[in-house]
Amino acid sequence: GTVRQIAFESGSNVRRGQLLVRFDTSAEE
């Protein structure tokens, strides 16, 4: 896939279930 969104900062603390990366899903949608 193609990376469309990066929702985290390198080196940060993240929580379970937090969105990290979203690929292009326009065709699948």
mmCIF file of all heavy atoms, coordinates in Angstrom:
data_MODEL
# 
_entry.id   MODEL 
# 
loop_
_atom_site.group_PDB 
_atom_site.id 
_atom_site.type_symbol 
_atom_site.label_atom_id 
_atom_site.label_alt_id 
_atom_site.label_comp_id 
_atom_site.label_asym_id 
_atom_site.label_entity_id 
_atom_site.label_seq_id 
_atom_site.pdbx_PDB_ins_code 
_atom_site.Cartn_x 
_atom_site.Cartn_y 
_atom_site.Cartn_z 
_atom_site.occupancy 
_atom_site.B_iso_or_equiv 
_atom_site.pdbx_formal_charge 
_atom_site.auth_seq_id 
_atom_site.auth_comp_id 
_atom_site.auth_asym_id 
_atom_site.auth_atom_id 
_atom_site.pdbx_PDB_model_num 
ATOM 1   N N   . GLY A 1 1  ? 0.812   -1.208 0.000  1.00 0.00 ? 1  GLY A N   1 
ATOM 2   C CA  . GLY A 1 1  ? 0.000   0.000  0.000  1.00 0.00 ? 1  GLY A CA  1 
ATOM 3   C C   . GLY A 1 1  ? 0.845   1.257  0.000  1.00 0.00 ? 1  GLY A C   1 
ATOM 4   O O   . GLY A 1 1  ? 2.078   1.207  0.109  1.00 0.00 ? 1  GLY A O   1 
ATOM 5   N N   . THR A 1 2  ? 0.179   2.391  -0.092 1.00 0.00 ? 2  THR A N   1 
ATOM 6   C CA  . THR A 1 2  ? 0.828   3.699  -0.090 1.00 0.00 ? 2  THR A CA  1 
ATOM 7   C C   . THR A 1 2  ? 0.507   4.408  1.216  1.00 0.00 ? 2  THR A C   1 
ATOM 8   O O   . THR A 1 2  ? -0.656  4.462  1.636  1.00 0.00 ? 2  THR A O   1 
ATOM 9   C CB  . THR A 1 2  ? 0.329   4.545  -1.275 1.00 0.00 ? 2  THR A CB  1 
ATOM 10  O OG1 . THR A 1 2  ? 0.571   3.839  -2.500 1.00 0.00 ? 2  THR A OG1 1 
ATOM 11  C CG2 . THR A 1 2  ? 1.052   5.888  -1.315 1.00 0.00 ? 2  THR A CG2 1 
ATOM 12  N N   . VAL A 1 3  ? 1.534   4.939  1.884  1.00 0.00 ? 3  VAL A N   1 
ATOM 13  C CA  . VAL A 1 3  ? 1.352   5.597  3.169  1.00 0.00 ? 3  VAL A CA  1 
ATOM 14  C C   . VAL A 1 3  ? 0.624   6.916  2.959  1.00 0.00 ? 3  VAL A C   1 
ATOM 15  O O   . VAL A 1 3  ? 1.091   7.788  2.220  1.00 0.00 ? 3  VAL A O   1 
ATOM 16  C CB  . VAL A 1 3  ? 2.707   5.842  3.869  1.00 0.00 ? 3  VAL A CB  1 
ATOM 17  C CG1 . VAL A 1 3  ? 2.510   6.568  5.195  1.00 0.00 ? 3  VAL A CG1 1 
ATOM 18  C CG2 . VAL A 1 3  ? 3.432   4.517  4.086  1.00 0.00 ? 3  VAL A CG2 1 
ATOM 19  N N   . ARG A 1 4  ? -0.539  7.078  3.610  1.00 0.00 ? 4  ARG A N   1 
ATOM 20  C CA  . ARG A 1 4  ? -1.327  8.297  3.492  1.00 0.00 ? 4  ARG A CA  1 
ATOM 21  C C   . ARG A 1 4  ? -1.338  9.108  4.789  1.00 0.00 ? 4  ARG A C   1 
ATOM 22  O O   . ARG A 1 4  ? -1.565  10.314 4.764  1.00 0.00 ? 4  ARG A O   1 
ATOM 23  C CB  . ARG A 1 4  ? -2.776  7.959  3.100  1.00 0.00 ? 4  ARG A CB  1 
ATOM 24  C CG  . ARG A 1 4  ? -2.925  7.544  1.664  1.00 0.00 ? 4  ARG A CG  1 
ATOM 25  C CD  . ARG A 1 4  ? -2.728  8.737  0.732  1.00 0.00 ? 4  ARG A CD  1 
ATOM 26  N NE  . ARG A 1 4  ? -2.809  8.366  -0.669 1.00 0.00 ? 4  ARG A NE  1 
ATOM 27  C CZ  . ARG A 1 4  ? -1.767  8.281  -1.485 1.00 0.00 ? 4  ARG A CZ  1 
ATOM 28  N NH1 . ARG A 1 4  ? -0.550  8.537  -1.015 1.00 0.00 ? 4  ARG A NH1 1 
ATOM 29  N NH2 . ARG A 1 4  ? -1.921  7.951  -2.743 1.00 0.00 ? 4  ARG A NH2 1 
ATOM 30  N N   . GLN A 1 5  ? -1.064  8.469  5.932  1.00 0.00 ? 5  GLN A N   1 
ATOM 31  C CA  . GLN A 1 5  ? -1.082  9.190  7.209  1.00 0.00 ? 5  GLN A CA  1 
ATOM 32  C C   . GLN A 1 5  ? -0.103  8.538  8.182  1.00 0.00 ? 5  GLN A C   1 
ATOM 33  O O   . GLN A 1 5  ? -0.073  7.315  8.309  1.00 0.00 ? 5  GLN A O   1 
ATOM 34  C CB  . GLN A 1 5  ? -2.493  9.188  7.821  1.00 0.00 ? 5  GLN A CB  1 
ATOM 35  C CG  . GLN A 1 5  ? -2.593  9.958  9.140  1.00 0.00 ? 5  GLN A CG  1 
ATOM 36  C CD  . GLN A 1 5  ? -3.977  9.872  9.752  1.00 0.00 ? 5  GLN A CD  1 
ATOM 37  O OE1 . GLN A 1 5  ? -4.851  9.181  9.214  1.00 0.00 ? 5  GLN A OE1 1 
ATOM 38  N NE2 . GLN A 1 5  ? -4.187  10.562 10.866 1.00 0.00 ? 5  GLN A NE2 1 
ATOM 39  N N   . ILE A 1 6  ? 0.702   9.369  8.863  1.00 0.00 ? 6  ILE A N   1 
ATOM 40  C CA  . ILE A 1 6  ? 1.582   8.930  9.943  1.00 0.00 ? 6  ILE A CA  1 
ATOM 41  C C   . ILE A 1 6  ? 1.137   9.679  11.192 1.00 0.00 ? 6  ILE A C   1 
ATOM 42  O O   . ILE A 1 6  ? 1.259   10.898 11.268 1.00 0.00 ? 6  ILE A O   1 
ATOM 43  C CB  . ILE A 1 6  ? 3.061   9.206  9.626  1.00 0.00 ? 6  ILE A CB  1 
ATOM 44  C CG1 . ILE A 1 6  ? 3.495   8.430  8.374  1.00 0.00 ? 6  ILE A CG1 1 
ATOM 45  C CG2 . ILE A 1 6  ? 3.948   8.814  10.817 1.00 0.00 ? 6  ILE A CG2 1 
ATOM 46  C CD1 . ILE A 1 6  ? 4.916   8.712  7.936  1.00 0.00 ? 6  ILE A CD1 1 
ATOM 47  N N   . ALA A 1 7  ? 0.639   8.949  12.178 1.00 0.00 ? 7  ALA A N   1 
ATOM 48  C CA  . ALA A 1 7  ? -0.014  9.587  13.326 1.00 0.00 ? 7  ALA A CA  1 
ATOM 49  C C   . ALA A 1 7  ? 0.802   9.475  14.615 1.00 0.00 ? 7  ALA A C   1 
ATOM 50  O O   . ALA A 1 7  ? 0.243   9.541  15.697 1.00 0.00 ? 7  ALA A O   1 
ATOM 51  C CB  . ALA A 1 7  ? -1.397  8.971  13.532 1.00 0.00 ? 7  ALA A CB  1 
ATOM 52  N N   . PHE A 1 8  ? 2.130   9.313  14.509 1.00 0.00 ? 8  PHE A N   1 
ATOM 53  C CA  . PHE A 1 8  ? 2.947   9.243  15.728 1.00 0.00 ? 8  PHE A CA  1 
ATOM 54  C C   . PHE A 1 8  ? 4.258   9.991  15.505 1.00 0.00 ? 8  PHE A C   1 
ATOM 55  O O   . PHE A 1 8  ? 4.688   10.189 14.369 1.00 0.00 ? 8  PHE A O   1 
ATOM 56  C CB  . PHE A 1 8  ? 3.231   7.790  16.113 1.00 0.00 ? 8  PHE A CB  1 
ATOM 57  C CG  . PHE A 1 8  ? 4.190   7.084  15.176 1.00 0.00 ? 8  PHE A CG  1 
ATOM 58  C CD1 . PHE A 1 8  ? 5.557   7.047  15.438 1.00 0.00 ? 8  PHE A CD1 1 
ATOM 59  C CD2 . PHE A 1 8  ? 3.717   6.447  14.037 1.00 0.00 ? 8  PHE A CD2 1 
ATOM 60  C CE1 . PHE A 1 8  ? 6.428   6.400  14.579 1.00 0.00 ? 8  PHE A CE1 1 
ATOM 61  C CE2 . PHE A 1 8  ? 4.590   5.801  13.173 1.00 0.00 ? 8  PHE A CE2 1 
ATOM 62  C CZ  . PHE A 1 8  ? 5.947   5.784  13.440 1.00 0.00 ? 8  PHE A CZ  1 
ATOM 63  N N   . GLU A 1 9  ? 4.875   10.392 16.612 1.00 0.00 ? 9  GLU A N   1 
ATOM 64  C CA  . GLU A 1 9  ? 6.179   11.036 16.578 1.00 0.00 ? 9  GLU A CA  1 
ATOM 65  C C   . GLU A 1 9  ? 7.240   10.028 16.998 1.00 0.00 ? 9  GLU A C   1 
ATOM 66  O O   . GLU A 1 9  ? 7.047   9.268  17.952 1.00 0.00 ? 9  GLU A O   1 
ATOM 67  C CB  . GLU A 1 9  ? 6.225   12.247 17.516 1.00 0.00 ? 9  GLU A CB  1 
ATOM 68  C CG  . GLU A 1 9  ? 5.312   13.389 17.100 1.00 0.00 ? 9  GLU A CG  1 
ATOM 69  C CD  . GLU A 1 9  ? 5.760   14.036 15.798 1.00 0.00 ? 9  GLU A CD  1 
ATOM 70  O OE1 . GLU A 1 9  ? 6.980   13.965 15.498 1.00 0.00 ? 9  GLU A OE1 1 
ATOM 71  O OE2 . GLU A 1 9  ? 4.906   14.590 15.086 1.00 0.00 ? 9  GLU A OE2 1 
ATOM 72  N N   . SER A 1 10 ? 8.354   10.012 16.317 1.00 0.00 ? 10 SER A N   1 
ATOM 73  C CA  . SER A 1 10 ? 9.429   9.079  16.645 1.00 0.00 ? 10 SER A CA  1 
ATOM 74  C C   . SER A 1 10 ? 9.881   9.271  18.088 1.00 0.00 ? 10 SER A C   1 
ATOM 75  O O   . SER A 1 10 ? 10.090  10.391 18.549 1.00 0.00 ? 10 SER A O   1 
ATOM 76  C CB  . SER A 1 10 ? 10.610  9.285  15.697 1.00 0.00 ? 10 SER A CB  1 
ATOM 77  O OG  . SER A 1 10 ? 10.229  9.027  14.365 1.00 0.00 ? 10 SER A OG  1 
ATOM 78  N N   . GLY A 1 11 ? 10.013  8.151  18.817 1.00 0.00 ? 11 GLY A N   1 
ATOM 79  C CA  . GLY A 1 11 ? 10.484  8.198  20.198 1.00 0.00 ? 11 GLY A CA  1 
ATOM 80  C C   . GLY A 1 11 ? 9.421   8.516  21.222 1.00 0.00 ? 11 GLY A C   1 
ATOM 81  O O   . GLY A 1 11 ? 9.734   8.635  22.410 1.00 0.00 ? 11 GLY A O   1 
ATOM 82  N N   . SER A 1 12 ? 8.174   8.643  20.813 1.00 0.00 ? 12 SER A N   1 
ATOM 83  C CA  . SER A 1 12 ? 7.108   9.004  21.757 1.00 0.00 ? 12 SER A CA  1 
ATOM 84  C C   . SER A 1 12 ? 6.513   7.758  22.400 1.00 0.00 ? 12 SER A C   1 
ATOM 85  O O   . SER A 1 12 ? 6.716   6.629  21.943 1.00 0.00 ? 12 SER A O   1 
ATOM 86  C CB  . SER A 1 12 ? 6.016   9.785  21.033 1.00 0.00 ? 12 SER A CB  1 
ATOM 87  O OG  . SER A 1 12 ? 5.416   8.987  20.016 1.00 0.00 ? 12 SER A OG  1 
ATOM 88  N N   . ASN A 1 13 ? 5.765   7.984  23.470 1.00 0.00 ? 13 ASN A N   1 
ATOM 89  C CA  . ASN A 1 13 ? 5.023   6.909  24.123 1.00 0.00 ? 13 ASN A CA  1 
ATOM 90  C C   . ASN A 1 13 ? 3.642   6.800  23.485 1.00 0.00 ? 13 ASN A C   1 
ATOM 91  O O   . ASN A 1 13 ? 2.977   7.826  23.259 1.00 0.00 ? 13 ASN A O   1 
ATOM 92  C CB  . ASN A 1 13 ? 4.881   7.178  25.619 1.00 0.00 ? 13 ASN A CB  1 
ATOM 93  C CG  . ASN A 1 13 ? 6.214   7.102  26.348 1.00 0.00 ? 13 ASN A CG  1 
ATOM 94  O OD1 . ASN A 1 13 ? 7.022   6.216  26.075 1.00 0.00 ? 13 ASN A OD1 1 
ATOM 95  N ND2 . ASN A 1 13 ? 6.447   8.016  27.262 1.00 0.00 ? 13 ASN A ND2 1 
ATOM 96  N N   . VAL A 1 14 ? 3.218   5.600  23.195 1.00 0.00 ? 14 VAL A N   1 
ATOM 97  C CA  . VAL A 1 14 ? 1.927   5.379  22.552 1.00 0.00 ? 14 VAL A CA  1 
ATOM 98  C C   . VAL A 1 14 ? 1.101   4.439  23.420 1.00 0.00 ? 14 VAL A C   1 
ATOM 99  O O   . VAL A 1 14 ? 1.636   3.665  24.228 1.00 0.00 ? 14 VAL A O   1 
ATOM 100 C CB  . VAL A 1 14 ? 2.092   4.788  21.138 1.00 0.00 ? 14 VAL A CB  1 
ATOM 101 C CG1 . VAL A 1 14 ? 2.853   5.769  20.246 1.00 0.00 ? 14 VAL A CG1 1 
ATOM 102 C CG2 . VAL A 1 14 ? 2.812   3.447  21.175 1.00 0.00 ? 14 VAL A CG2 1 
ATOM 103 N N   . ARG A 1 15 ? -0.208  4.518  23.260 1.00 0.00 ? 15 ARG A N   1 
ATOM 104 C CA  . ARG A 1 15 ? -1.142  3.684  24.008 1.00 0.00 ? 15 ARG A CA  1 
ATOM 105 C C   . ARG A 1 15 ? -1.689  2.573  23.119 1.00 0.00 ? 15 ARG A C   1 
ATOM 106 O O   . ARG A 1 15 ? -1.691  2.682  21.882 1.00 0.00 ? 15 ARG A O   1 
ATOM 107 C CB  . ARG A 1 15 ? -2.304  4.532  24.530 1.00 0.00 ? 15 ARG A CB  1 
ATOM 108 C CG  . ARG A 1 15 ? -1.903  5.760  25.326 1.00 0.00 ? 15 ARG A CG  1 
ATOM 109 C CD  . ARG A 1 15 ? -1.251  5.412  26.638 1.00 0.00 ? 15 ARG A CD  1 
ATOM 110 N NE  . ARG A 1 15 ? -2.184  4.733  27.529 1.00 0.00 ? 15 ARG A NE  1 
ATOM 111 C CZ  . ARG A 1 15 ? -1.853  4.285  28.746 1.00 0.00 ? 15 ARG A CZ  1 
ATOM 112 N NH1 . ARG A 1 15 ? -0.608  4.444  29.188 1.00 0.00 ? 15 ARG A NH1 1 
ATOM 113 N NH2 . ARG A 1 15 ? -2.754  3.699  29.509 1.00 0.00 ? 15 ARG A NH2 1 
ATOM 114 N N   . ARG A 1 16 ? -2.129  1.524  23.764 1.00 0.00 ? 16 ARG A N   1 
ATOM 115 C CA  . ARG A 1 16 ? -2.690  0.401  23.024 1.00 0.00 ? 16 ARG A CA  1 
ATOM 116 C C   . ARG A 1 16 ? -3.894  0.845  22.205 1.00 0.00 ? 16 ARG A C   1 
ATOM 117 O O   . ARG A 1 16 ? -4.775  1.553  22.704 1.00 0.00 ? 16 ARG A O   1 
ATOM 118 C CB  . ARG A 1 16 ? -3.111  -0.698 24.001 1.00 0.00 ? 16 ARG A CB  1 
ATOM 119 C CG  . ARG A 1 16 ? -3.722  -1.915 23.323 1.00 0.00 ? 16 ARG A CG  1 
ATOM 120 C CD  . ARG A 1 16 ? -4.101  -2.959 24.340 1.00 0.00 ? 16 ARG A CD  1 
ATOM 121 N NE  . ARG A 1 16 ? -4.699  -4.123 23.694 1.00 0.00 ? 16 ARG A NE  1 
ATOM 122 C CZ  . ARG A 1 16 ? -5.145  -5.196 24.330 1.00 0.00 ? 16 ARG A CZ  1 
ATOM 123 N NH1 . ARG A 1 16 ? -5.058  -5.230 25.670 1.00 0.00 ? 16 ARG A NH1 1 
ATOM 124 N NH2 . ARG A 1 16 ? -5.670  -6.215 23.669 1.00 0.00 ? 16 ARG A NH2 1 
ATOM 125 N N   . GLY A 1 17 ? -3.933  0.437  20.938 1.00 0.00 ? 17 GLY A N   1 
ATOM 126 C CA  . GLY A 1 17 ? -5.019  0.800  20.036 1.00 0.00 ? 17 GLY A CA  1 
ATOM 127 C C   . GLY A 1 17 ? -4.841  2.132  19.349 1.00 0.00 ? 17 GLY A C   1 
ATOM 128 O O   . GLY A 1 17 ? -5.649  2.496  18.485 1.00 0.00 ? 17 GLY A O   1 
ATOM 129 N N   . GLN A 1 18 ? -3.795  2.891  19.678 1.00 0.00 ? 18 GLN A N   1 
ATOM 130 C CA  . GLN A 1 18 ? -3.581  4.201  19.067 1.00 0.00 ? 18 GLN A CA  1 
ATOM 131 C C   . GLN A 1 18 ? -3.212  4.044  17.598 1.00 0.00 ? 18 GLN A C   1 
ATOM 132 O O   . GLN A 1 18 ? -2.430  3.171  17.218 1.00 0.00 ? 18 GLN A O   1 
ATOM 133 C CB  . GLN A 1 18 ? -2.477  4.941  19.810 1.00 0.00 ? 18 GLN A CB  1 
ATOM 134 C CG  . GLN A 1 18 ? -2.158  6.323  19.241 1.00 0.00 ? 18 GLN A CG  1 
ATOM 135 C CD  . GLN A 1 18 ? -1.075  7.027  20.054 1.00 0.00 ? 18 GLN A CD  1 
ATOM 136 O OE1 . GLN A 1 18 ? -0.928  6.784  21.251 1.00 0.00 ? 18 GLN A OE1 1 
ATOM 137 N NE2 . GLN A 1 18 ? -0.328  7.885  19.402 1.00 0.00 ? 18 GLN A NE2 1 
ATOM 138 N N   . LEU A 1 19 ? -3.794  4.891  16.737 1.00 0.00 ? 19 LEU A N   1 
ATOM 139 C CA  . LEU A 1 19 ? -3.486  4.870  15.313 1.00 0.00 ? 19 LEU A CA  1 
ATOM 140 C C   . LEU A 1 19 ? -2.042  5.307  15.085 1.00 0.00 ? 19 LEU A C   1 
ATOM 141 O O   . LEU A 1 19 ? -1.594  6.333  15.614 1.00 0.00 ? 19 LEU A O   1 
ATOM 142 C CB  . LEU A 1 19 ? -4.434  5.793  14.549 1.00 0.00 ? 19 LEU A CB  1 
ATOM 143 C CG  . LEU A 1 19 ? -4.148  5.976  13.053 1.00 0.00 ? 19 LEU A CG  1 
ATOM 144 C CD1 . LEU A 1 19 ? -4.332  4.671  12.306 1.00 0.00 ? 19 LEU A CD1 1 
ATOM 145 C CD2 . LEU A 1 19 ? -5.027  7.079  12.467 1.00 0.00 ? 19 LEU A CD2 1 
ATOM 146 N N   . LEU A 1 20 ? -1.315  4.527  14.300 1.00 0.00 ? 20 LEU A N   1 
ATOM 147 C CA  . LEU A 1 20 ? 0.083   4.848  13.999 1.00 0.00 ? 20 LEU A CA  1 
ATOM 148 C C   . LEU A 1 20 ? 0.266   5.234  12.531 1.00 0.00 ? 20 LEU A C   1 
ATOM 149 O O   . LEU A 1 20 ? 0.782   6.302  12.224 1.00 0.00 ? 20 LEU A O   1 
ATOM 150 C CB  . LEU A 1 20 ? 0.982   3.649  14.342 1.00 0.00 ? 20 LEU A CB  1 
ATOM 151 C CG  . LEU A 1 20 ? 0.947   3.179  15.806 1.00 0.00 ? 20 LEU A CG  1 
ATOM 152 C CD1 . LEU A 1 20 ? 1.822   1.958  15.991 1.00 0.00 ? 20 LEU A CD1 1 
ATOM 153 C CD2 . LEU A 1 20 ? 1.355   4.295  16.746 1.00 0.00 ? 20 LEU A CD2 1 
ATOM 154 N N   . VAL A 1 21 ? -0.157  4.344  11.640 1.00 0.00 ? 21 VAL A N   1 
ATOM 155 C CA  . VAL A 1 21 ? 0.020   4.579  10.197 1.00 0.00 ? 21 VAL A CA  1 
ATOM 156 C C   . VAL A 1 21 ? -1.242  4.115  9.477  1.00 0.00 ? 21 VAL A C   1 
ATOM 157 O O   . VAL A 1 21 ? -1.805  3.064  9.801  1.00 0.00 ? 21 VAL A O   1 
ATOM 158 C CB  . VAL A 1 21 ? 1.262   3.826  9.650  1.00 0.00 ? 21 VAL A CB  1 
ATOM 159 C CG1 . VAL A 1 21 ? 1.360   3.982  8.139  1.00 0.00 ? 21 VAL A CG1 1 
ATOM 160 C CG2 . VAL A 1 21 ? 2.536   4.330  10.314 1.00 0.00 ? 21 VAL A CG2 1 
ATOM 161 N N   . ARG A 1 22 ? -1.656  4.914  8.497  1.00 0.00 ? 22 ARG A N   1 
ATOM 162 C CA  . ARG A 1 22 ? -2.811  4.532  7.668  1.00 0.00 ? 22 ARG A CA  1 
ATOM 163 C C   . ARG A 1 22 ? -2.360  4.514  6.216  1.00 0.00 ? 22 ARG A C   1 
ATOM 164 O O   . ARG A 1 22 ? -1.757  5.468  5.716  1.00 0.00 ? 22 ARG A O   1 
ATOM 165 C CB  . ARG A 1 22 ? -3.953  5.515  7.859  1.00 0.00 ? 22 ARG A CB  1 
ATOM 166 C CG  . ARG A 1 22 ? -5.269  5.027  7.240  1.00 0.00 ? 22 ARG A CG  1 
ATOM 167 C CD  . ARG A 1 22 ? -6.307  6.143  7.236  1.00 0.00 ? 22 ARG A CD  1 
ATOM 168 N NE  . ARG A 1 22 ? -6.556  6.663  8.569  1.00 0.00 ? 22 ARG A NE  1 
ATOM 169 C CZ  . ARG A 1 22 ? -7.415  6.134  9.431  1.00 0.00 ? 22 ARG A CZ  1 
ATOM 170 N NH1 . ARG A 1 22 ? -8.088  5.044  9.097  1.00 0.00 ? 22 ARG A NH1 1 
ATOM 171 N NH2 . ARG A 1 22 ? -7.605  6.683  10.610 1.00 0.00 ? 22 ARG A NH2 1 
ATOM 172 N N   . PHE A 1 23 ? -2.704  3.398  5.515  1.00 0.00 ? 23 PHE A N   1 
ATOM 173 C CA  . PHE A 1 23 ? -2.404  3.288  4.093  1.00 0.00 ? 23 PHE A CA  1 
ATOM 174 C C   . PHE A 1 23 ? -3.604  3.762  3.267  1.00 0.00 ? 23 PHE A C   1 
ATOM 175 O O   . PHE A 1 23 ? -4.702  3.945  3.789  1.00 0.00 ? 23 PHE A O   1 
ATOM 176 C CB  . PHE A 1 23 ? -2.070  1.832  3.718  1.00 0.00 ? 23 PHE A CB  1 
ATOM 177 C CG  . PHE A 1 23 ? -0.806  1.312  4.342  1.00 0.00 ? 23 PHE A CG  1 
ATOM 178 C CD1 . PHE A 1 23 ? -0.577  -0.053 4.431  1.00 0.00 ? 23 PHE A CD1 1 
ATOM 179 C CD2 . PHE A 1 23 ? 0.160   2.179  4.832  1.00 0.00 ? 23 PHE A CD2 1 
ATOM 180 C CE1 . PHE A 1 23 ? 0.590   -0.539 5.006  1.00 0.00 ? 23 PHE A CE1 1 
ATOM 181 C CE2 . PHE A 1 23 ? 1.325   1.706  5.398  1.00 0.00 ? 23 PHE A CE2 1 
ATOM 182 C CZ  . PHE A 1 23 ? 1.538   0.341  5.493  1.00 0.00 ? 23 PHE A CZ  1 
ATOM 183 N N   . ASP A 1 24 ? -3.348  3.933  1.997  1.00 0.00 ? 24 ASP A N   1 
ATOM 184 C CA  . ASP A 1 24 ? -4.416  4.342  1.083  1.00 0.00 ? 24 ASP A CA  1 
ATOM 185 C C   . ASP A 1 24 ? -5.413  3.190  0.923  1.00 0.00 ? 24 ASP A C   1 
ATOM 186 O O   . ASP A 1 24 ? -5.061  2.097  0.488  1.00 0.00 ? 24 ASP A O   1 
ATOM 187 C CB  . ASP A 1 24 ? -3.814  4.702  -0.277 1.00 0.00 ? 24 ASP A CB  1 
ATOM 188 C CG  . ASP A 1 24 ? -4.873  5.179  -1.249 1.00 0.00 ? 24 ASP A CG  1 
ATOM 189 O OD1 . ASP A 1 24 ? -5.982  5.525  -0.789 1.00 0.00 ? 24 ASP A OD1 1 
ATOM 190 O OD2 . ASP A 1 24 ? -4.601  5.214  -2.468 1.00 0.00 ? 24 ASP A OD2 1 
ATOM 191 N N   . THR A 1 25 ? -6.677  3.443  1.285  1.00 0.00 ? 25 THR A N   1 
ATOM 192 C CA  . THR A 1 25 ? -7.723  2.416  1.196  1.00 0.00 ? 25 THR A CA  1 
ATOM 193 C C   . THR A 1 25 ? -8.904  2.901  0.362  1.00 0.00 ? 25 THR A C   1 
ATOM 194 O O   . THR A 1 25 ? -10.023 2.416  0.527  1.00 0.00 ? 25 THR A O   1 
ATOM 195 C CB  . THR A 1 25 ? -8.208  2.038  2.619  1.00 0.00 ? 25 THR A CB  1 
ATOM 196 O OG1 . THR A 1 25 ? -8.683  3.224  3.289  1.00 0.00 ? 25 THR A OG1 1 
ATOM 197 C CG2 . THR A 1 25 ? -7.100  1.400  3.429  1.00 0.00 ? 25 THR A CG2 1 
ATOM 198 N N   . SER A 1 26 ? -8.657  3.866  -0.505 1.00 0.00 ? 26 SER A N   1 
ATOM 199 C CA  . SER A 1 26 ? -9.760  4.434  -1.285 1.00 0.00 ? 26 SER A CA  1 
ATOM 200 C C   . SER A 1 26 ? -10.431 3.375  -2.169 1.00 0.00 ? 26 SER A C   1 
ATOM 201 O O   . SER A 1 26 ? -11.665 3.311  -2.264 1.00 0.00 ? 26 SER A O   1 
ATOM 202 C CB  . SER A 1 26 ? -9.259  5.598  -2.145 1.00 0.00 ? 26 SER A CB  1 
ATOM 203 O OG  . SER A 1 26 ? -8.186  5.176  -2.982 1.00 0.00 ? 26 SER A OG  1 
ATOM 204 N N   . ALA A 1 27 ? -9.631  2.506  -2.783 1.00 0.00 ? 27 ALA A N   1 
ATOM 205 C CA  . ALA A 1 27 ? -10.209 1.475  -3.656 1.00 0.00 ? 27 ALA A CA  1 
ATOM 206 C C   . ALA A 1 27 ? -11.017 0.478  -2.822 1.00 0.00 ? 27 ALA A C   1 
ATOM 207 O O   . ALA A 1 27 ? -12.137 0.096  -3.207 1.00 0.00 ? 27 ALA A O   1 
ATOM 208 C CB  . ALA A 1 27 ? -9.096  0.756  -4.417 1.00 0.00 ? 27 ALA A CB  1 
ATOM 209 N N   . GLU A 1 28 ? -10.481 0.062  -1.688 1.00 0.00 ? 28 GLU A N   1 
ATOM 210 C CA  . GLU A 1 28 ? -11.184 -0.902 -0.847 1.00 0.00 ? 28 GLU A CA  1 
ATOM 211 C C   . GLU A 1 28 ? -12.469 -0.301 -0.278 1.00 0.00 ? 28 GLU A C   1 
ATOM 212 O O   . GLU A 1 28 ? -13.493 -0.995 -0.137 1.00 0.00 ? 28 GLU A O   1 
ATOM 213 C CB  . GLU A 1 28 ? -10.282 -1.373 0.295  1.00 0.00 ? 28 GLU A CB  1 
ATOM 214 C CG  . GLU A 1 28 ? -9.152  -2.302 -0.111 1.00 0.00 ? 28 GLU A CG  1 
ATOM 215 C CD  . GLU A 1 28 ? -7.964  -1.550 -0.690 1.00 0.00 ? 28 GLU A CD  1 
ATOM 216 O OE1 . GLU A 1 28 ? -8.006  -0.299 -0.723 1.00 0.00 ? 28 GLU A OE1 1 
ATOM 217 O OE2 . GLU A 1 28 ? -7.004  -2.215 -1.132 1.00 0.00 ? 28 GLU A OE2 1 
ATOM 218 N N   . GLU A 1 29 ? -12.453 0.996  0.074  1.00 0.00 ? 29 GLU A N   1 
ATOM 219 C CA  . GLU A 1 29 ? -13.650 1.630  0.611  1.00 0.00 ? 29 GLU A CA  1 
ATOM 220 C C   . GLU A 1 29 ? -14.748 1.705  -0.451 1.00 0.00 ? 29 GLU A C   1 
ATOM 221 O O   . GLU A 1 29 ? -15.946 1.536  -0.134 1.00 0.00 ? 29 GLU A O   1 
ATOM 222 C CB  . GLU A 1 29 ? -13.310 3.021  1.134  1.00 0.00 ? 29 GLU A CB  1 
ATOM 223 C CG  . GLU A 1 29 ? -12.470 2.982  2.419  1.00 0.00 ? 29 GLU A CG  1 
ATOM 224 C CD  . GLU A 1 29 ? -12.012 4.358  2.854  1.00 0.00 ? 29 GLU A CD  1 
ATOM 225 O OE1 . GLU A 1 29 ? -12.261 5.331  2.107  1.00 0.00 ? 29 GLU A OE1 1 
ATOM 226 O OE2 . GLU A 1 29 ? -11.389 4.465  3.930  1.00 0.00 ? 29 GLU A OE2 1 
# 
